[in-house]
Amino acid sequence: MKRDLLCRFRYFGVPDDVDYRNIPWRNSRFDTEELTTHVATQSRAQNALDQLRRRGGTRTIAFCVSQRHADFMAGFFRDAGLRAVAVHSGDTSAPRAQSLEELSAGHLDVLCAVDIFNEGLDLPELDTVLMLRPTESRVLWLQQFGRGLRKSHDDKRLTVIDYIGNHRTFLLKPQTLFSLPSGGQPVLNMLERLKEGPVEIAPGCEVTYELETIDILRGLIRVTANKEEALKRYYEEFVELQGARPRAAEAFHEGYNPRAARAAHGSWLGFVRAQGGLDESQAATFDRHQAFLSELDDTQMTKSYKMLVLLAMLNEDAFPGEITIDSLAEAVRALASRNHLLVTDLGPRAATPAGLKRHLEENPIKAWTEGFRRPAWPHLLARNPRQERQGHGFPVQGPLPQPDGLPVGKPEPHPAGGRPRAVDQDPPGARRRGPPLRPQDRQDRRARRRPVHLLRRRRFHGLGGRTAHQGSLATPRTRAGSVTRRSRRKSAEP
């Protein structure tokens, strides 16, 4: 409209006398047969006729609930003296193309349609849209609204007559029309403005709600200052409308904070389970890995390490303790190879399988197994690097196995006759030895222990121009005329 590509409009929200609380709700929508029975009545049809004569134009498209409803409304309009037809996919439908031509030429007053002109209709001469059906989808409502916004001349003004009933789905209409965020308070604020008179949302575009319509919408809104209670109501309404539970991301984008459920339920999934949103197998899985799943609610995602590990476990359909570190590293490598930004984020240390494995152990895995140190992580705190290196699983549950076969925790006398100690504890000052190191591991360890100034000397004085990071093991070359420490020691000997 700012670019003057669409025409101006007048929108009228009129009250619907149908009691939608008595209509069954199935599969995220009203039951079609029951809904048709309630809307295809003489009183409602007479109200629609009065609205058309009072506010409508000369070319109207009326969106109906079903074929039976469209035939009923077309017949009622014809009995009232209007030229009306019903167009749908049934046998009683009027010819589609001919009906559109007659409506465009002005030889037809009302065209009653059912789910065939929601999109793709190019009829600039249309001047009135009559919405005789409830709409459970924002997109569908906008599509029906937009059928008459095409301009046929500069001074064209569309009239939209929309019925508002006593069901939560009708709140989608003011939210979509005014681009309001989710929640009842923004709608209440807008209704207060509408109570004072028409509201202009764009130059030449007016929205008018009758006072009875405002009362209906106000009765549908439940405002609470308790965030957890608001989240619960959102969850219940989402399940009622969509037939499925919402995800945490959907709740967040609708303006609700999924973390509001943490105080009472520990996590978003704990809240979902309390609402009955998990089946038997999902509930069993949640109980088995509740500590890990709860920690994911507030873990920090500063880089892509943790996210890649989580995605890798999802792809492998495994939780921690059910996947080896080698398999996990390979799955992470496959994910990261698809995007150069992820490769850059992992850094040069992850260029080799062994380097990537160590990289994952030192960053996301270490953060999850040693960084938190909370009672909620007992199954991740006991890690066994020896078994991880041998590919026996990540992470290992339980204490380290003992080589002498003694049961864990059995008291053993102290060598000096002092306080006894358990066999799963190292003696004071002892250093736990791991498995034998591979040649490349020894070389990496030597490189990490080598002082920085020696690395710098080797880098600039290596034989043949080879540097230490390229794998040169040559001794540093001395400058001409210089004397090394070794030559000094030899010259000092008798």
Protein backbone atom coordinates (compact mmCIF):
# COMPACT_ATOMS: atom_id res chain seq x y z
CA MET A 1 0.00 0.00 0.00
CA LYS A 2 2.91 2.34 0.63
CA ARG A 3 3.91 1.79 -3.02
CA ASP A 4 0.30 2.37 -4.12
CA LEU A 5 0.06 -1.12 -5.62
CA LEU A 6 -3.00 -2.17 -3.59
CA CYS A 7 -6.29 -0.40 -3.04
CA ARG A 8 -7.52 1.09 0.24
CA PHE A 9 -10.03 -0.81 2.32
CA ARG A 10 -12.64 -0.60 5.07
CA TYR A 11 -12.78 -3.50 7.49
CA PHE A 12 -15.84 -4.23 9.65
CA GLY A 13 -15.72 -6.80 12.45
CA VAL A 14 -19.30 -7.85 13.13
CA PRO A 15 -20.56 -10.17 15.90
CA ASP A 16 -21.40 -13.77 15.09
CA ASP A 17 -24.45 -15.24 16.86
CA VAL A 18 -23.15 -18.83 16.52
CA ASP A 19 -22.08 -20.46 19.79
CA TYR A 20 -18.82 -22.11 18.73
CA ARG A 21 -18.36 -23.74 22.14
CA ASN A 22 -20.94 -26.35 21.10
CA ILE A 23 -19.08 -27.31 17.91
CA PRO A 24 -16.61 -30.21 18.17
CA TRP A 25 -12.94 -29.43 17.50
CA ARG A 26 -11.15 -32.21 15.61
CA ASN A 27 -7.75 -32.31 13.90
CA SER A 28 -6.99 -28.64 14.57
CA ARG A 29 -10.25 -27.41 13.10
CA PHE A 30 -13.99 -27.38 13.63
CA ASP A 31 -15.95 -30.42 12.57
CA THR A 32 -17.21 -29.46 9.11
CA GLU A 33 -20.64 -31.08 9.33
CA GLU A 34 -21.42 -29.68 12.77
CA LEU A 35 -20.11 -26.27 11.76
CA THR A 36 -22.27 -26.24 8.63
CA THR A 37 -25.32 -27.09 10.69
CA HIS A 38 -24.71 -24.14 13.00
CA VAL A 39 -23.90 -21.51 10.33
CA ALA A 40 -26.42 -22.47 7.64
CA THR A 41 -29.38 -20.87 9.41
CA GLN A 42 -32.01 -18.37 8.36
CA SER A 43 -31.10 -15.88 11.11
CA ARG A 44 -27.40 -15.81 10.23
CA ALA A 45 -28.11 -15.59 6.51
CA GLN A 46 -30.50 -12.67 7.13
CA ASN A 47 -27.79 -10.91 9.15
CA ALA A 48 -25.31 -11.40 6.29
CA LEU A 49 -27.86 -9.96 3.83
CA ASP A 50 -28.39 -6.93 6.07
CA GLN A 51 -24.63 -6.36 6.32
CA LEU A 52 -24.30 -6.50 2.53
CA ARG A 53 -27.09 -4.05 1.93
CA ARG A 54 -25.74 -1.71 4.59
CA ARG A 55 -22.01 -1.79 3.84
CA GLY A 56 -21.34 -3.93 0.76
CA GLY A 57 -20.77 -3.05 -2.87
CA THR A 58 -21.97 -4.49 -6.16
CA ARG A 59 -19.53 -7.36 -6.67
CA THR A 60 -19.12 -9.65 -3.66
CA ILE A 61 -17.30 -12.91 -3.01
CA ALA A 62 -18.52 -14.81 0.07
CA PHE A 63 -16.24 -17.45 1.61
CA CYS A 64 -18.32 -20.30 3.02
CA VAL A 65 -17.72 -23.33 5.25
CA SER A 66 -18.77 -26.17 2.94
CA GLN A 67 -20.56 -26.94 -0.30
CA ARG A 68 -23.84 -27.28 1.54
CA HIS A 69 -23.30 -23.91 3.20
CA ALA A 70 -22.43 -22.25 -0.14
CA ASP A 71 -25.54 -23.67 -1.85
CA PHE A 72 -27.66 -22.54 1.10
CA MET A 73 -26.31 -18.97 1.05
CA ALA A 74 -26.61 -18.65 -2.73
CA GLY A 75 -30.21 -19.81 -2.57
CA PHE A 76 -31.03 -17.41 0.26
CA PHE A 77 -29.52 -14.46 -1.62
CA ARG A 78 -31.44 -15.37 -4.77
CA ASP A 79 -34.69 -15.55 -2.80
CA ALA A 80 -33.90 -12.06 -1.51
CA GLY A 81 -33.59 -10.72 -5.06
CA LEU A 82 -29.80 -10.83 -5.52
CA ARG A 83 -28.03 -12.51 -8.43
CA ALA A 84 -25.99 -15.17 -6.65
CA VAL A 85 -24.34 -18.51 -7.47
CA ALA A 86 -22.29 -21.10 -5.57
CA VAL A 87 -18.95 -22.23 -6.99
CA HIS A 88 -17.17 -25.27 -5.56
CA SER A 89 -15.93 -28.73 -6.57
CA GLY A 90 -19.31 -30.45 -6.20
CA ASP A 91 -21.97 -31.40 -8.73
CA THR A 92 -24.25 -28.50 -7.77
CA SER A 93 -21.60 -25.89 -8.56
CA ALA A 94 -22.11 -23.21 -11.18
CA PRO A 95 -19.55 -22.98 -14.02
CA ARG A 96 -16.40 -21.49 -12.53
CA ALA A 97 -15.01 -19.44 -15.43
CA GLN A 98 -18.44 -18.19 -16.51
CA SER A 99 -19.32 -17.13 -12.96
CA LEU A 100 -16.10 -15.12 -12.64
CA GLU A 101 -16.75 -13.41 -15.98
CA GLU A 102 -20.29 -12.50 -14.96
CA LEU A 103 -19.13 -11.18 -11.58
CA SER A 104 -16.44 -9.08 -13.25
CA ALA A 105 -18.92 -7.69 -15.81
CA GLY A 106 -21.47 -6.80 -13.12
CA HIS A 107 -24.04 -9.40 -14.18
CA LEU A 108 -23.65 -11.21 -10.85
CA ASP A 109 -23.96 -9.76 -7.35
CA VAL A 110 -22.61 -12.49 -5.06
CA LEU A 111 -20.35 -15.47 -5.68
CA CYS A 112 -20.35 -18.01 -2.78
CA ALA A 113 -17.09 -19.98 -2.87
CA VAL A 114 -15.59 -22.88 -0.94
CA ASP A 115 -11.77 -23.27 -0.83
CA ILE A 116 -11.15 -22.62 -4.53
CA PHE A 117 -10.59 -18.84 -4.70
CA ASN A 118 -8.36 -18.47 -1.64
CA GLU A 119 -5.42 -17.76 -3.95
CA GLY A 120 -4.78 -17.29 -7.66
CA LEU A 121 -7.90 -15.17 -8.25
CA ASP A 122 -7.27 -12.08 -10.39
CA LEU A 123 -10.44 -10.01 -10.18
CA PRO A 124 -9.69 -6.27 -9.80
CA GLU A 125 -13.38 -5.37 -10.12
CA LEU A 126 -14.20 -7.16 -6.82
CA ASP A 127 -15.29 -4.60 -4.23
CA THR A 128 -16.62 -6.66 -1.28
CA VAL A 129 -15.29 -9.68 0.66
CA LEU A 130 -17.78 -11.41 2.96
CA MET A 131 -16.15 -13.84 5.42
CA LEU A 132 -18.86 -16.26 6.54
CA ARG A 133 -16.53 -18.91 7.99
CA PRO A 134 -14.07 -19.13 10.89
CA THR A 135 -10.43 -19.37 9.88
CA GLU A 136 -7.86 -21.34 11.84
CA SER A 137 -4.88 -20.10 9.80
CA ARG A 138 -3.39 -16.62 9.56
CA VAL A 139 -2.17 -17.34 6.02
CA LEU A 140 -5.59 -18.47 4.81
CA TRP A 141 -7.27 -15.44 6.34
CA LEU A 142 -4.80 -13.09 4.64
CA GLN A 143 -5.29 -14.87 1.33
CA GLN A 144 -9.04 -14.41 1.52
CA PHE A 145 -8.62 -10.80 2.61
CA GLY A 146 -6.30 -10.07 -0.29
CA ARG A 147 -8.63 -11.33 -3.04
CA GLY A 148 -10.13 -7.86 -3.41
CA LEU A 149 -7.04 -5.69 -2.95
CA ARG A 150 -6.14 -5.59 -6.65
CA LYS A 151 -6.69 -2.12 -8.07
CA SER A 152 -9.06 -1.59 -10.99
CA HIS A 153 -8.94 2.21 -10.72
CA ASP A 154 -7.23 4.72 -8.43
CA ASP A 155 -10.26 5.49 -6.25
CA LYS A 156 -11.26 1.88 -5.61
CA ARG A 157 -11.96 1.01 -1.96
CA LEU A 158 -12.53 -2.55 -0.81
CA THR A 159 -15.08 -3.46 1.86
CA VAL A 160 -14.38 -6.45 4.13
CA ILE A 161 -17.15 -7.82 6.37
CA ASP A 162 -15.77 -10.34 8.85
CA TYR A 163 -17.75 -12.35 11.42
CA ILE A 164 -16.18 -12.65 14.90
CA GLY A 165 -17.28 -15.48 17.20
CA ASN A 166 -16.66 -16.77 20.71
CA HIS A 167 -13.68 -19.03 20.06
CA ARG A 168 -9.96 -18.51 20.61
CA THR A 169 -9.26 -18.88 16.88
CA PHE A 170 -10.94 -15.52 16.23
CA LEU A 171 -8.14 -13.76 18.13
CA LEU A 172 -5.90 -14.53 15.16
CA LYS A 173 -7.78 -11.96 13.10
CA PRO A 174 -6.96 -8.78 15.09
CA GLN A 175 -3.45 -10.11 15.76
CA THR A 176 -2.86 -10.57 12.03
CA LEU A 177 -4.63 -7.40 10.95
CA PHE A 178 -2.66 -5.15 13.31
CA SER A 179 0.56 -7.24 13.30
CA LEU A 180 0.33 -7.71 17.06
CA PRO A 181 2.62 -10.00 19.06
CA SER A 182 1.23 -13.08 20.75
CA GLY A 183 -0.53 -12.73 24.06
CA GLY A 184 -3.73 -11.16 25.21
CA GLN A 185 -2.48 -7.82 26.46
CA PRO A 186 -1.59 -6.35 23.01
CA VAL A 187 -5.07 -7.29 21.77
CA LEU A 188 -6.68 -5.68 24.81
CA ASN A 189 -4.77 -2.48 24.20
CA MET A 190 -5.92 -2.41 20.59
CA LEU A 191 -9.54 -3.10 21.58
CA GLU A 192 -9.44 -0.06 23.87
CA ARG A 193 -8.47 2.06 20.87
CA LEU A 194 -11.17 0.49 18.72
CA LYS A 195 -13.75 1.18 21.40
CA GLU A 196 -13.26 4.90 20.82
CA GLY A 197 -13.92 4.63 17.08
CA PRO A 198 -12.41 3.48 13.78
CA VAL A 199 -8.64 3.01 13.69
CA GLU A 200 -6.64 3.96 10.61
CA ILE A 201 -3.77 1.47 10.11
CA ALA A 202 -2.66 2.98 6.78
CA PRO A 203 -3.63 6.06 4.78
CA GLY A 204 -7.23 5.51 3.68
CA CYS A 205 -7.54 2.12 5.49
CA GLU A 206 -9.97 1.96 8.42
CA VAL A 207 -10.82 -0.80 10.88
CA THR A 208 -14.12 -0.78 12.75
CA TYR A 209 -15.28 -3.24 15.39
CA GLU A 210 -18.82 -3.12 16.70
CA LEU A 211 -19.11 -2.84 20.48
CA GLU A 212 -20.58 -6.33 20.74
CA THR A 213 -17.62 -7.66 18.76
CA ILE A 214 -15.20 -5.98 21.16
CA ASP A 215 -16.99 -7.60 24.11
CA ILE A 216 -16.70 -11.02 22.46
CA LEU A 217 -12.97 -10.63 21.92
CA ARG A 218 -12.40 -9.32 25.44
CA GLY A 219 -14.13 -12.39 26.83
CA LEU A 220 -11.64 -14.63 24.98
CA ILE A 221 -8.55 -13.02 26.51
CA ARG A 222 -7.02 -14.28 29.73
CA VAL A 223 -4.21 -12.06 30.96
CA THR A 224 -1.93 -13.13 33.80
CA ALA A 225 1.30 -11.72 35.21
CA ASN A 226 2.57 -15.23 35.99
CA LYS A 227 4.87 -16.24 33.13
CA GLU A 228 4.55 -19.93 33.88
CA GLU A 229 0.77 -19.73 33.86
CA ALA A 230 0.86 -17.76 30.59
CA LEU A 231 3.13 -20.41 29.08
CA LYS A 232 0.76 -23.15 30.20
CA ARG A 233 -2.20 -21.40 28.59
CA TYR A 234 -0.24 -20.91 25.39
CA TYR A 235 0.63 -24.61 25.39
CA GLU A 236 -2.99 -25.67 25.88
CA GLU A 237 -4.26 -23.33 23.17
CA PHE A 238 -1.56 -24.45 20.74
CA VAL A 239 -2.45 -28.11 21.26
CA GLU A 240 -6.12 -27.31 20.86
CA LEU A 241 -5.60 -25.41 17.61
CA GLN A 242 -2.80 -27.41 16.01
CA GLY A 243 -3.38 -30.90 17.37
CA ALA A 244 0.30 -31.21 18.37
CA ARG A 245 2.52 -29.86 21.12
CA PRO A 246 4.60 -26.73 20.43
CA ARG A 247 8.38 -26.74 20.39
CA ALA A 248 10.38 -24.44 22.61
CA ALA A 249 11.45 -22.38 19.57
CA GLU A 250 7.81 -21.88 18.55
CA ALA A 251 6.91 -20.70 22.05
CA PHE A 252 9.85 -18.28 22.01
CA HIS A 253 8.90 -16.81 18.62
CA GLU A 254 5.34 -16.33 19.87
CA GLY A 255 6.62 -14.14 22.69
CA TYR A 256 6.75 -16.66 25.53
CA ASN A 257 9.81 -17.64 27.54
CA PRO A 258 10.31 -21.44 27.62
CA ARG A 259 12.68 -21.01 30.58
CA ALA A 260 9.74 -19.85 32.71
CA ALA A 261 8.94 -23.54 33.23
CA ARG A 262 12.38 -24.32 34.66
CA ALA A 263 11.58 -23.38 38.26
CA ALA A 264 8.72 -25.88 38.56
CA HIS A 265 9.70 -28.53 36.02
CA GLY A 266 13.47 -28.22 35.59
CA SER A 267 13.40 -27.82 31.82
CA TRP A 268 11.13 -27.31 28.83
CA LEU A 269 10.79 -31.06 28.28
CA GLY A 270 9.92 -31.49 31.94
CA PHE A 271 7.14 -28.98 31.43
CA VAL A 272 5.97 -30.79 28.30
CA ARG A 273 5.87 -34.08 30.18
CA ALA A 274 3.83 -32.51 32.98
CA GLN A 275 1.32 -31.37 30.34
CA GLY A 276 1.07 -34.91 28.94
CA GLY A 277 2.93 -34.08 25.75
CA LEU A 278 5.28 -37.11 25.81
CA ASP A 279 4.24 -40.62 24.91
CA GLU A 280 5.39 -43.65 26.90
CA SER A 281 8.67 -44.19 25.04
CA GLN A 282 9.52 -40.47 25.03
CA ALA A 283 8.83 -40.23 28.76
CA ALA A 284 11.11 -43.23 29.42
CA THR A 285 13.89 -41.66 27.36
CA PHE A 286 13.46 -38.36 29.19
CA ASP A 287 13.73 -40.08 32.57
CA ARG A 288 16.89 -41.92 31.50
CA HIS A 289 18.66 -38.79 30.20
CA GLN A 290 16.92 -36.10 32.23
CA ALA A 291 20.15 -34.63 33.62
CA PHE A 292 21.70 -34.23 30.18
CA LEU A 293 18.55 -32.81 28.58
CA SER A 294 18.03 -30.36 31.44
CA GLU A 295 21.55 -29.02 31.09
CA LEU A 296 20.98 -28.33 27.40
CA ASP A 297 18.36 -25.75 28.34
CA ASP A 298 20.96 -23.29 29.63
CA THR A 299 24.25 -24.44 28.12
CA GLN A 300 26.21 -21.66 26.42
CA MET A 301 26.66 -21.93 22.64
CA THR A 302 29.53 -19.51 22.07
CA LYS A 303 30.95 -21.51 19.17
CA SER A 304 29.80 -24.36 16.98
CA TYR A 305 31.52 -27.15 18.95
CA LYS A 306 28.58 -28.11 21.15
CA MET A 307 26.02 -27.72 18.42
CA LEU A 308 28.01 -29.95 16.08
CA VAL A 309 28.32 -32.60 18.78
CA LEU A 310 24.57 -32.46 19.44
CA LEU A 311 23.73 -32.67 15.75
CA ALA A 312 26.14 -35.57 15.35
CA MET A 313 24.46 -37.46 18.18
CA LEU A 314 21.06 -36.75 16.62
CA ASN A 315 22.22 -38.06 13.26
CA GLU A 316 23.59 -41.17 14.93
CA ASP A 317 20.40 -41.51 17.02
CA ALA A 318 22.44 -41.84 20.22
CA PHE A 319 22.66 -40.17 23.61
CA PRO A 320 25.89 -39.71 25.60
CA GLY A 321 27.13 -43.12 26.65
CA GLU A 322 25.70 -44.77 23.53
CA ILE A 323 28.23 -43.60 20.94
CA THR A 324 32.01 -44.05 20.76
CA ILE A 325 34.28 -41.06 20.60
CA ASP A 326 35.63 -42.23 17.24
CA SER A 327 32.11 -42.44 15.75
CA LEU A 328 31.24 -39.07 17.25
CA ALA A 329 34.33 -37.41 15.78
CA GLU A 330 33.60 -38.88 12.35
CA ALA A 331 30.00 -37.64 12.48
CA VAL A 332 31.18 -34.17 13.48
CA ARG A 333 33.72 -34.15 10.65
CA ALA A 334 30.98 -35.05 8.13
CA LEU A 335 28.78 -32.20 9.37
CA ALA A 336 31.53 -29.60 9.47
CA SER A 337 32.78 -30.46 5.97
CA ARG A 338 29.54 -29.11 4.48
CA ASN A 339 30.27 -25.52 5.49
CA HIS A 340 33.59 -23.70 5.33
CA LEU A 341 32.56 -21.47 8.22
CA LEU A 342 32.27 -24.50 10.47
CA VAL A 343 35.68 -25.71 9.33
CA THR A 344 37.12 -22.30 10.19
CA ASP A 345 35.40 -22.35 13.56
CA LEU A 346 36.92 -25.72 14.44
CA GLY A 347 40.38 -24.46 13.54
CA PRO A 348 43.51 -26.14 12.14
CA ARG A 349 43.72 -28.59 15.04
CA ALA A 350 40.72 -30.43 13.62
CA ALA A 351 42.35 -30.99 10.24
CA THR A 352 43.18 -34.63 11.09
CA PRO A 353 40.94 -37.29 12.68
CA ALA A 354 43.22 -37.53 15.72
CA GLY A 355 43.34 -33.75 16.07
CA LEU A 356 39.57 -33.44 15.79
CA LYS A 357 39.10 -36.14 18.40
CA ARG A 358 41.39 -34.34 20.86
CA HIS A 359 39.73 -31.05 19.98
CA LEU A 360 36.28 -32.38 20.87
CA GLU A 361 37.57 -33.94 24.07
CA GLU A 362 39.14 -30.69 25.22
CA ASN A 363 36.27 -28.39 24.35
CA PRO A 364 32.60 -29.44 24.34
CA ILE A 365 33.02 -32.87 25.94
CA LYS A 366 35.22 -31.56 28.73
CA ALA A 367 32.75 -28.75 29.40
CA TRP A 368 29.91 -31.22 29.76
CA THR A 369 31.84 -33.79 31.79
CA GLU A 370 34.09 -31.67 34.00
CA GLY A 371 33.00 -28.07 33.68
CA PHE A 372 29.66 -28.19 35.49
CA ARG A 373 30.50 -30.47 38.42
CA ARG A 374 26.88 -30.67 39.47
CA PRO A 375 24.98 -33.58 41.01
CA ALA A 376 22.78 -33.52 37.90
CA TRP A 377 25.69 -34.91 35.85
CA PRO A 378 26.81 -38.09 37.69
CA HIS A 379 26.79 -40.17 34.51
CA LEU A 380 29.10 -37.71 32.73
CA LEU A 381 31.56 -36.85 35.48
CA ALA A 382 33.28 -40.27 35.53
CA ARG A 383 35.27 -40.32 32.30
CA ASN A 384 37.80 -42.95 31.27
CA PRO A 385 40.29 -41.58 28.73
CA ARG A 386 41.77 -45.06 28.26
CA GLN A 387 38.47 -46.58 27.16
CA GLU A 388 37.62 -43.50 25.10
CA ARG A 389 40.94 -43.83 23.22
CA GLN A 390 40.24 -47.51 22.60
CA GLY A 391 36.75 -46.68 21.31
CA HIS A 392 34.70 -48.29 24.09
CA GLY A 393 32.23 -45.45 24.39
CA PHE A 394 31.75 -41.81 25.34
CA PRO A 395 31.34 -41.04 28.14
CA VAL A 396 31.94 -44.04 30.41
CA GLN A 397 29.53 -44.52 33.26
CA GLY A 398 30.91 -45.60 36.63
CA PRO A 399 34.41 -45.62 38.17
CA LEU A 400 37.58 -46.82 36.51
CA PRO A 401 38.14 -50.62 36.42
CA GLN A 402 40.96 -51.92 38.62
CA PRO A 403 43.75 -54.02 37.07
CA ASP A 404 44.18 -56.21 40.17
CA GLY A 405 40.55 -57.34 40.10
CA LEU A 406 39.76 -56.08 43.59
CA PRO A 407 36.23 -54.75 44.07
CA VAL A 408 35.90 -51.00 43.88
CA GLY A 409 35.85 -49.31 47.26
CA LYS A 410 37.26 -52.25 49.23
CA PRO A 411 39.58 -50.90 51.96
CA GLU A 412 43.26 -51.59 51.52
CA PRO A 413 45.80 -51.09 54.36
CA HIS A 414 48.10 -48.15 53.99
CA PRO A 415 51.74 -49.20 53.30
CA ALA A 416 52.94 -47.23 56.32
CA GLY A 417 50.23 -48.63 58.59
CA GLY A 418 48.27 -45.40 58.61
CA ARG A 419 44.76 -44.58 57.43
CA PRO A 420 43.33 -47.13 54.96
CA ARG A 421 42.47 -46.02 51.45
CA ALA A 422 40.16 -47.35 48.72
CA VAL A 423 41.72 -49.07 45.74
CA ASP A 424 40.03 -46.73 43.27
CA GLN A 425 42.01 -43.82 44.69
CA ASP A 426 45.58 -43.02 43.76
CA PRO A 427 48.17 -42.82 46.58
CA PRO A 428 49.21 -39.32 47.58
CA GLY A 429 51.59 -37.80 45.07
CA ALA A 430 51.12 -40.63 42.59
CA ARG A 431 50.60 -39.95 38.93
CA ARG A 432 48.04 -42.02 37.07
CA ARG A 433 49.55 -43.54 33.97
CA GLY A 434 47.44 -43.85 30.88
CA PRO A 435 47.73 -46.27 27.96
CA PRO A 436 50.90 -46.43 25.84
CA LEU A 437 51.27 -43.40 23.62
CA ARG A 438 51.41 -43.68 19.87
CA PRO A 439 54.47 -42.22 18.05
CA GLN A 440 52.51 -39.22 16.82
CA ASP A 441 51.18 -38.63 20.35
CA ARG A 442 54.71 -38.65 21.74
CA GLN A 443 55.80 -36.16 19.09
CA ASP A 444 52.82 -33.90 19.85
CA ARG A 445 53.57 -34.07 23.58
CA ARG A 446 57.23 -33.21 23.01
CA ALA A 447 56.19 -30.28 20.83
CA ARG A 448 53.89 -28.95 23.57
CA ARG A 449 56.64 -29.26 26.20
CA ARG A 450 59.35 -27.62 24.06
CA PRO A 451 60.05 -24.03 25.15
CA VAL A 452 58.82 -21.30 22.87
CA HIS A 453 62.31 -19.82 22.30
CA LEU A 454 63.58 -23.20 21.05
CA LEU A 455 60.65 -23.47 18.65
CA ARG A 456 61.46 -19.99 17.42
CA ARG A 457 65.16 -20.82 16.93
CA ARG A 458 64.34 -24.00 15.07
CA ARG A 459 61.86 -22.23 12.91
CA PHE A 460 64.41 -19.70 11.64
CA HIS A 461 67.57 -21.84 11.67
CA GLY A 462 66.34 -25.26 10.52
CA LEU A 463 68.40 -27.05 7.88
CA GLY A 464 67.21 -26.70 4.33
CA GLY A 465 64.71 -24.04 5.27
CA ARG A 466 62.42 -26.60 6.95
CA THR A 467 60.70 -25.41 10.08
CA ALA A 468 59.72 -27.25 13.21
CA HIS A 469 55.99 -27.15 12.45
CA GLN A 470 56.75 -28.87 9.12
CA GLY A 471 58.20 -31.89 10.92
CA SER A 472 61.94 -31.16 10.80
CA LEU A 473 63.96 -32.97 13.46
CA ALA A 474 67.34 -31.51 12.40
CA THR A 475 69.53 -29.84 14.98
CA PRO A 476 69.79 -26.07 14.83
CA ARG A 477 72.50 -24.74 12.57
CA THR A 478 74.99 -22.35 14.14
CA ARG A 479 76.32 -19.24 12.53
CA ALA A 480 79.88 -19.16 11.17
CA GLY A 481 82.47 -18.53 13.89
CA SER A 482 80.06 -19.16 16.78
CA VAL A 483 80.88 -21.62 19.58
CA THR A 484 78.23 -23.93 21.00
CA ARG A 485 77.85 -24.92 24.64
CA ARG A 486 78.97 -28.45 23.84
CA SER A 487 82.24 -27.21 22.24
CA ARG A 488 82.88 -25.05 25.28
CA ARG A 489 82.49 -28.05 27.60
CA LYS A 490 84.90 -30.11 25.43
CA SER A 491 87.51 -27.33 25.37
CA ALA A 492 87.36 -27.05 29.13
CA GLU A 493 88.13 -30.77 29.62
CA PRO A 494 91.85 -31.70 30.18
